[in-house]
Amino acid sequence: MLHFQKYGDFADYFGSRWHYYMGEIIASIPVPLVFGKGQFESGVAAKVLREFAQDPFPYLDESGKKSMIAAESGLLRKFTELAFDEAAEARWQECRPMEADNIDVGPATETDLQGDLMEASGNPF
């Protein structure tokens, strides 16, 4: 949905209290996987976790599927609630990469170069 890649993305979008808002919902997500010794080092666990993240339903029983559906709807409800609250616009503005205000579309002009502001000394430092 929002394509967050790391925990820091949650903080960038929802603020430093993101876990307060969504921690309970995230904790309700069922993860029925158990890995043995050496499976993380060999990469087996990473492969299974990647597949689980893409489509968790084949790994879940009926109660797990119901829990996953409830967690997904809870996350969507919370995202929607937070996306339209009073501070959402401020959070959105803060997480956007800022563009420089002096970027022109056309080629550089004599004024853009501002060569008369610097004295040529021959010293590059």
N, C-alpha and C. Protein backbone atom coordinates (compact mmCIF):
# COMPACT_ATOMS: atom_id res chain seq x y z
N MET A 1 0.83 -1.19 0.00
CA MET A 1 0.00 0.00 0.00
C MET A 1 0.88 1.25 0.00
N LEU A 2 1.73 1.43 1.00
CA LEU A 2 2.62 2.58 1.04
C LEU A 2 4.05 2.21 0.67
N HIS A 3 4.31 0.94 0.51
CA HIS A 3 5.62 0.43 0.09
C HIS A 3 6.75 0.88 1.01
N PHE A 4 6.53 0.77 2.31
CA PHE A 4 7.59 1.08 3.27
C PHE A 4 8.64 -0.02 3.20
N GLN A 5 9.90 0.35 3.18
CA GLN A 5 10.99 -0.60 3.08
C GLN A 5 11.67 -0.87 4.41
N LYS A 6 11.54 0.06 5.37
CA LYS A 6 12.20 -0.09 6.66
C LYS A 6 11.36 0.63 7.72
N TYR A 7 11.68 0.35 8.98
CA TYR A 7 10.92 0.95 10.07
C TYR A 7 10.99 2.47 10.06
N GLY A 8 12.10 3.02 9.63
CA GLY A 8 12.25 4.46 9.58
C GLY A 8 11.24 5.14 8.68
N ASP A 9 10.75 4.40 7.66
CA ASP A 9 9.73 4.96 6.78
C ASP A 9 8.44 5.24 7.53
N PHE A 10 8.10 4.37 8.49
CA PHE A 10 6.92 4.62 9.31
C PHE A 10 7.08 5.92 10.09
N ALA A 11 8.24 6.11 10.68
CA ALA A 11 8.49 7.32 11.47
C ALA A 11 8.48 8.56 10.58
N ASP A 12 9.01 8.45 9.37
CA ASP A 12 9.01 9.59 8.46
C ASP A 12 7.59 9.99 8.08
N TYR A 13 6.72 9.01 7.89
CA TYR A 13 5.37 9.29 7.42
C TYR A 13 4.41 9.61 8.56
N PHE A 14 4.48 8.85 9.65
CA PHE A 14 3.50 9.00 10.73
C PHE A 14 4.04 9.73 11.94
N GLY A 15 5.32 10.08 11.94
CA GLY A 15 5.90 10.75 13.09
C GLY A 15 6.54 9.76 14.04
N SER A 16 7.18 10.28 15.06
CA SER A 16 7.94 9.42 15.96
C SER A 16 7.06 8.49 16.79
N ARG A 17 5.77 8.77 16.88
CA ARG A 17 4.87 7.94 17.67
C ARG A 17 4.12 6.91 16.81
N TRP A 18 4.71 6.54 15.66
CA TRP A 18 4.02 5.62 14.75
C TRP A 18 3.70 4.31 15.44
N HIS A 19 4.59 3.81 16.28
CA HIS A 19 4.36 2.53 16.92
C HIS A 19 3.19 2.63 17.89
N TYR A 20 3.01 3.77 18.51
CA TYR A 20 1.86 4.00 19.39
C TYR A 20 0.56 3.85 18.61
N TYR A 21 0.53 4.38 17.39
CA TYR A 21 -0.68 4.33 16.58
C TYR A 21 -0.96 2.93 16.04
N MET A 22 0.07 2.19 15.65
CA MET A 22 -0.14 0.93 14.93
C MET A 22 0.46 -0.29 15.58
N GLY A 23 1.12 -0.16 16.70
CA GLY A 23 1.80 -1.29 17.33
C GLY A 23 0.89 -2.45 17.65
N GLU A 24 -0.30 -2.15 18.15
CA GLU A 24 -1.24 -3.21 18.51
C GLU A 24 -1.73 -3.96 17.28
N ILE A 25 -1.95 -3.22 16.19
CA ILE A 25 -2.41 -3.86 14.95
C ILE A 25 -1.28 -4.72 14.37
N ILE A 26 -0.08 -4.19 14.35
CA ILE A 26 1.06 -4.94 13.81
C ILE A 26 1.30 -6.20 14.62
N ALA A 27 1.15 -6.11 15.95
CA ALA A 27 1.35 -7.27 16.81
C ALA A 27 0.31 -8.35 16.56
N SER A 28 -0.85 -7.98 16.01
CA SER A 28 -1.90 -8.97 15.76
C SER A 28 -1.70 -9.74 14.46
N ILE A 29 -0.72 -9.36 13.65
CA ILE A 29 -0.47 -10.05 12.38
C ILE A 29 0.12 -11.43 12.68
N PRO A 30 -0.54 -12.48 12.23
CA PRO A 30 -0.03 -13.82 12.51
C PRO A 30 1.17 -14.17 11.63
N VAL A 31 2.20 -14.68 12.26
CA VAL A 31 3.39 -15.16 11.54
C VAL A 31 3.66 -16.57 12.06
N PRO A 32 3.13 -17.60 11.37
CA PRO A 32 3.22 -18.97 11.87
C PRO A 32 4.50 -19.70 11.48
N LEU A 33 5.56 -18.98 11.21
CA LEU A 33 6.79 -19.60 10.74
C LEU A 33 7.75 -19.82 11.90
N VAL A 34 8.38 -20.99 11.90
CA VAL A 34 9.40 -21.33 12.89
C VAL A 34 10.61 -21.83 12.12
N PHE A 35 11.77 -21.30 12.45
CA PHE A 35 12.99 -21.66 11.73
C PHE A 35 13.96 -22.35 12.67
N GLY A 36 14.64 -23.32 12.12
CA GLY A 36 15.63 -24.07 12.89
C GLY A 36 17.00 -23.43 12.81
N LYS A 37 17.90 -24.00 13.57
CA LYS A 37 19.27 -23.51 13.63
C LYS A 37 19.91 -23.59 12.24
N GLY A 38 20.54 -22.51 11.84
CA GLY A 38 21.25 -22.48 10.57
C GLY A 38 20.41 -22.05 9.38
N GLN A 39 19.10 -21.94 9.53
CA GLN A 39 18.26 -21.58 8.39
C GLN A 39 18.37 -20.10 8.03
N PHE A 40 18.73 -19.25 8.98
CA PHE A 40 18.95 -17.84 8.65
C PHE A 40 20.27 -17.69 7.90
N GLU A 41 21.30 -18.38 8.37
CA GLU A 41 22.60 -18.29 7.72
C GLU A 41 22.58 -18.86 6.31
N SER A 42 21.83 -19.91 6.10
CA SER A 42 21.79 -20.53 4.78
C SER A 42 20.90 -19.79 3.79
N GLY A 43 20.06 -18.88 4.28
CA GLY A 43 19.18 -18.11 3.40
C GLY A 43 17.80 -18.70 3.24
N VAL A 44 17.57 -19.89 3.81
CA VAL A 44 16.25 -20.52 3.69
C VAL A 44 15.18 -19.65 4.35
N ALA A 45 15.49 -19.14 5.53
CA ALA A 45 14.52 -18.32 6.27
C ALA A 45 14.19 -17.05 5.50
N ALA A 46 15.19 -16.42 4.92
CA ALA A 46 14.95 -15.18 4.15
C ALA A 46 14.05 -15.46 2.96
N LYS A 47 14.26 -16.58 2.28
CA LYS A 47 13.44 -16.93 1.13
C LYS A 47 11.99 -17.17 1.55
N VAL A 48 11.80 -17.92 2.63
CA VAL A 48 10.44 -18.22 3.09
C VAL A 48 9.75 -16.94 3.58
N LEU A 49 10.48 -16.10 4.30
CA LEU A 49 9.89 -14.84 4.78
C LEU A 49 9.53 -13.91 3.63
N ARG A 50 10.34 -13.90 2.59
CA ARG A 50 10.03 -13.08 1.41
C ARG A 50 8.75 -13.59 0.75
N GLU A 51 8.63 -14.91 0.61
CA GLU A 51 7.42 -15.49 0.02
C GLU A 51 6.20 -15.22 0.91
N PHE A 52 6.40 -15.32 2.22
CA PHE A 52 5.32 -15.05 3.17
C PHE A 52 4.86 -13.59 3.06
N ALA A 53 5.81 -12.66 2.90
CA ALA A 53 5.46 -11.25 2.78
C ALA A 53 4.69 -10.97 1.49
N GLN A 54 5.01 -11.70 0.42
CA GLN A 54 4.31 -11.51 -0.85
C GLN A 54 2.87 -12.03 -0.79
N ASP A 55 2.68 -13.20 -0.18
CA ASP A 55 1.35 -13.80 -0.07
C ASP A 55 1.30 -14.69 1.17
N PRO A 56 0.83 -14.15 2.29
CA PRO A 56 0.85 -14.92 3.54
C PRO A 56 -0.24 -15.97 3.65
N PHE A 57 -1.30 -15.88 2.87
CA PHE A 57 -2.46 -16.75 3.07
C PHE A 57 -2.19 -18.24 2.90
N PRO A 58 -1.32 -18.69 1.98
CA PRO A 58 -1.06 -20.14 1.91
C PRO A 58 -0.41 -20.71 3.17
N TYR A 59 0.20 -19.87 3.98
CA TYR A 59 0.88 -20.32 5.19
C TYR A 59 -0.04 -20.32 6.41
N LEU A 60 -1.24 -19.79 6.28
CA LEU A 60 -2.12 -19.59 7.43
C LEU A 60 -3.26 -20.60 7.46
N ASP A 61 -3.68 -20.97 8.67
CA ASP A 61 -4.89 -21.76 8.82
C ASP A 61 -6.09 -20.81 8.81
N GLU A 62 -7.29 -21.33 9.02
CA GLU A 62 -8.50 -20.49 8.94
C GLU A 62 -8.50 -19.36 9.97
N SER A 63 -8.09 -19.65 11.20
CA SER A 63 -8.08 -18.59 12.20
C SER A 63 -6.98 -17.55 11.89
N GLY A 64 -5.87 -18.01 11.35
CA GLY A 64 -4.81 -17.10 10.94
C GLY A 64 -5.25 -16.20 9.80
N LYS A 65 -6.02 -16.76 8.85
CA LYS A 65 -6.54 -15.96 7.74
C LYS A 65 -7.49 -14.89 8.25
N LYS A 66 -8.34 -15.25 9.21
CA LYS A 66 -9.26 -14.27 9.78
C LYS A 66 -8.49 -13.18 10.52
N SER A 67 -7.44 -13.56 11.24
CA SER A 67 -6.61 -12.58 11.94
C SER A 67 -5.90 -11.66 10.96
N MET A 68 -5.42 -12.22 9.86
CA MET A 68 -4.73 -11.41 8.85
C MET A 68 -5.69 -10.42 8.20
N ILE A 69 -6.88 -10.86 7.88
CA ILE A 69 -7.88 -9.97 7.28
C ILE A 69 -8.23 -8.85 8.25
N ALA A 70 -8.39 -9.19 9.53
CA ALA A 70 -8.69 -8.18 10.55
C ALA A 70 -7.54 -7.19 10.69
N ALA A 71 -6.29 -7.69 10.65
CA ALA A 71 -5.13 -6.81 10.75
C ALA A 71 -5.03 -5.89 9.53
N GLU A 72 -5.26 -6.43 8.34
CA GLU A 72 -5.21 -5.61 7.14
C GLU A 72 -6.27 -4.52 7.16
N SER A 73 -7.48 -4.86 7.58
CA SER A 73 -8.53 -3.83 7.64
C SER A 73 -8.23 -2.82 8.74
N GLY A 74 -7.65 -3.27 9.86
CA GLY A 74 -7.26 -2.35 10.92
C GLY A 74 -6.18 -1.39 10.47
N LEU A 75 -5.17 -1.90 9.73
CA LEU A 75 -4.12 -1.04 9.20
C LEU A 75 -4.67 -0.04 8.19
N LEU A 76 -5.54 -0.50 7.31
CA LEU A 76 -6.13 0.40 6.33
C LEU A 76 -6.95 1.48 7.02
N ARG A 77 -7.72 1.10 8.03
CA ARG A 77 -8.53 2.06 8.77
C ARG A 77 -7.63 3.08 9.47
N LYS A 78 -6.53 2.61 10.08
CA LYS A 78 -5.62 3.51 10.79
C LYS A 78 -4.88 4.41 9.81
N PHE A 79 -4.42 3.86 8.67
CA PHE A 79 -3.75 4.68 7.67
C PHE A 79 -4.69 5.78 7.18
N THR A 80 -5.94 5.41 6.90
CA THR A 80 -6.92 6.38 6.42
C THR A 80 -7.18 7.44 7.48
N GLU A 81 -7.34 7.01 8.70
CA GLU A 81 -7.58 7.94 9.80
C GLU A 81 -6.43 8.92 9.95
N LEU A 82 -5.20 8.41 9.92
CA LEU A 82 -4.03 9.26 10.09
C LEU A 82 -3.75 10.11 8.85
N ALA A 83 -4.13 9.61 7.68
CA ALA A 83 -3.87 10.35 6.45
C ALA A 83 -4.75 11.59 6.33
N PHE A 84 -5.88 11.60 7.00
CA PHE A 84 -6.80 12.73 6.87
C PHE A 84 -6.98 13.50 8.16
N ASP A 85 -6.08 13.31 9.13
CA ASP A 85 -6.19 14.11 10.35
C ASP A 85 -5.52 15.47 10.14
N GLU A 86 -5.55 16.31 11.14
CA GLU A 86 -5.05 17.68 11.02
C GLU A 86 -3.55 17.75 10.73
N ALA A 87 -2.78 16.84 11.29
CA ALA A 87 -1.32 16.89 11.14
C ALA A 87 -0.82 16.16 9.90
N ALA A 88 -1.72 15.55 9.12
CA ALA A 88 -1.29 14.76 7.96
C ALA A 88 -0.57 15.62 6.93
N GLU A 89 -1.09 16.79 6.66
CA GLU A 89 -0.45 17.67 5.67
C GLU A 89 0.96 18.04 6.12
N ALA A 90 1.14 18.34 7.39
CA ALA A 90 2.47 18.69 7.90
C ALA A 90 3.42 17.50 7.79
N ARG A 91 2.94 16.29 8.13
CA ARG A 91 3.79 15.09 8.01
C ARG A 91 4.17 14.85 6.56
N TRP A 92 3.21 15.04 5.66
CA TRP A 92 3.47 14.82 4.25
C TRP A 92 4.51 15.81 3.74
N GLN A 93 4.38 17.07 4.13
CA GLN A 93 5.34 18.08 3.70
C GLN A 93 6.74 17.79 4.24
N GLU A 94 6.81 17.31 5.49
CA GLU A 94 8.11 17.01 6.10
C GLU A 94 8.81 15.84 5.42
N CYS A 95 8.07 14.84 4.97
CA CYS A 95 8.70 13.65 4.40
C CYS A 95 9.00 13.79 2.91
N ARG A 96 8.46 14.82 2.27
CA ARG A 96 8.75 15.04 0.84
C ARG A 96 10.16 15.55 0.65
N PRO A 97 10.88 15.04 -0.32
CA PRO A 97 12.20 15.60 -0.61
C PRO A 97 12.01 17.02 -1.16
N MET A 98 12.77 17.92 -0.64
CA MET A 98 12.64 19.32 -1.03
C MET A 98 13.45 19.59 -2.29
N GLU A 99 12.86 20.39 -3.18
CA GLU A 99 13.55 20.81 -4.38
C GLU A 99 14.16 22.17 -4.13
N ALA A 100 15.26 22.41 -4.75
CA ALA A 100 15.87 23.73 -4.63
C ALA A 100 14.98 24.74 -5.33
N ASP A 101 14.94 25.96 -4.82
CA ASP A 101 14.06 26.97 -5.39
C ASP A 101 14.71 27.74 -6.53
N ASN A 102 15.94 27.44 -6.85
CA ASN A 102 16.62 28.17 -7.91
C ASN A 102 16.86 27.32 -9.15
N ILE A 103 16.05 26.31 -9.36
CA ILE A 103 16.21 25.44 -10.52
C ILE A 103 15.38 26.01 -11.67
N ASP A 104 16.06 26.31 -12.78
CA ASP A 104 15.39 26.78 -13.98
C ASP A 104 15.40 25.67 -15.01
N VAL A 105 14.47 25.76 -15.92
CA VAL A 105 14.37 24.73 -16.94
C VAL A 105 15.32 25.00 -18.10
N GLY A 106 15.55 26.24 -18.42
CA GLY A 106 16.36 26.59 -19.58
C GLY A 106 17.85 26.50 -19.33
N PRO A 107 18.63 26.85 -20.37
CA PRO A 107 20.09 26.80 -20.24
C PRO A 107 20.59 27.92 -19.32
N ALA A 108 21.82 27.78 -18.82
CA ALA A 108 22.40 28.77 -17.93
C ALA A 108 22.63 30.07 -18.69
N THR A 109 22.32 31.16 -18.03
CA THR A 109 22.53 32.48 -18.62
C THR A 109 23.73 33.14 -17.93
N GLU A 110 24.08 34.32 -18.41
CA GLU A 110 25.18 35.06 -17.80
C GLU A 110 24.88 35.39 -16.35
N THR A 111 23.63 35.69 -16.04
CA THR A 111 23.24 35.99 -14.66
C THR A 111 23.36 34.75 -13.78
N ASP A 112 23.06 33.58 -14.31
CA ASP A 112 23.16 32.35 -13.54
C ASP A 112 24.61 32.05 -13.14
N LEU A 113 25.54 32.38 -13.99
CA LEU A 113 26.93 32.06 -13.72
C LEU A 113 27.51 32.90 -12.59
N GLN A 114 27.10 34.13 -12.44
CA GLN A 114 27.51 35.03 -11.36
C GLN A 114 29.03 35.06 -11.19
N GLY A 115 29.73 35.10 -12.29
CA GLY A 115 31.17 35.12 -12.26
C GLY A 115 31.74 36.36 -11.61
N ASP A 116 31.00 37.45 -11.62
CA ASP A 116 31.51 38.69 -11.05
C ASP A 116 31.49 38.70 -9.52
N LEU A 117 30.87 37.71 -8.89
CA LEU A 117 30.81 37.66 -7.43
C LEU A 117 32.06 37.07 -6.80
N MET A 118 32.81 36.28 -7.55
CA MET A 118 34.01 35.61 -7.04
C MET A 118 35.25 36.20 -7.71
N GLU A 119 36.25 36.38 -6.92
CA GLU A 119 37.51 36.88 -7.47
C GLU A 119 38.40 35.66 -7.81
N ALA A 120 38.86 35.62 -9.01
CA ALA A 120 39.70 34.52 -9.45
C ALA A 120 41.08 34.66 -8.81
N SER A 121 41.46 33.70 -7.98
CA SER A 121 42.74 33.79 -7.30
C SER A 121 43.72 32.75 -7.79
N GLY A 122 43.25 31.76 -8.51
CA GLY A 122 44.14 30.69 -8.93
C GLY A 122 44.29 29.62 -7.88
N ASN A 123 43.82 29.86 -6.66
CA ASN A 123 43.87 28.89 -5.57
C ASN A 123 42.54 28.13 -5.54
N PRO A 124 42.57 26.82 -5.79
CA PRO A 124 41.30 26.08 -5.85
C PRO A 124 40.63 25.92 -4.48
N PHE A 125 41.31 26.25 -3.38
CA PHE A 125 40.72 26.09 -2.05
C PHE A 125 40.46 27.41 -1.49
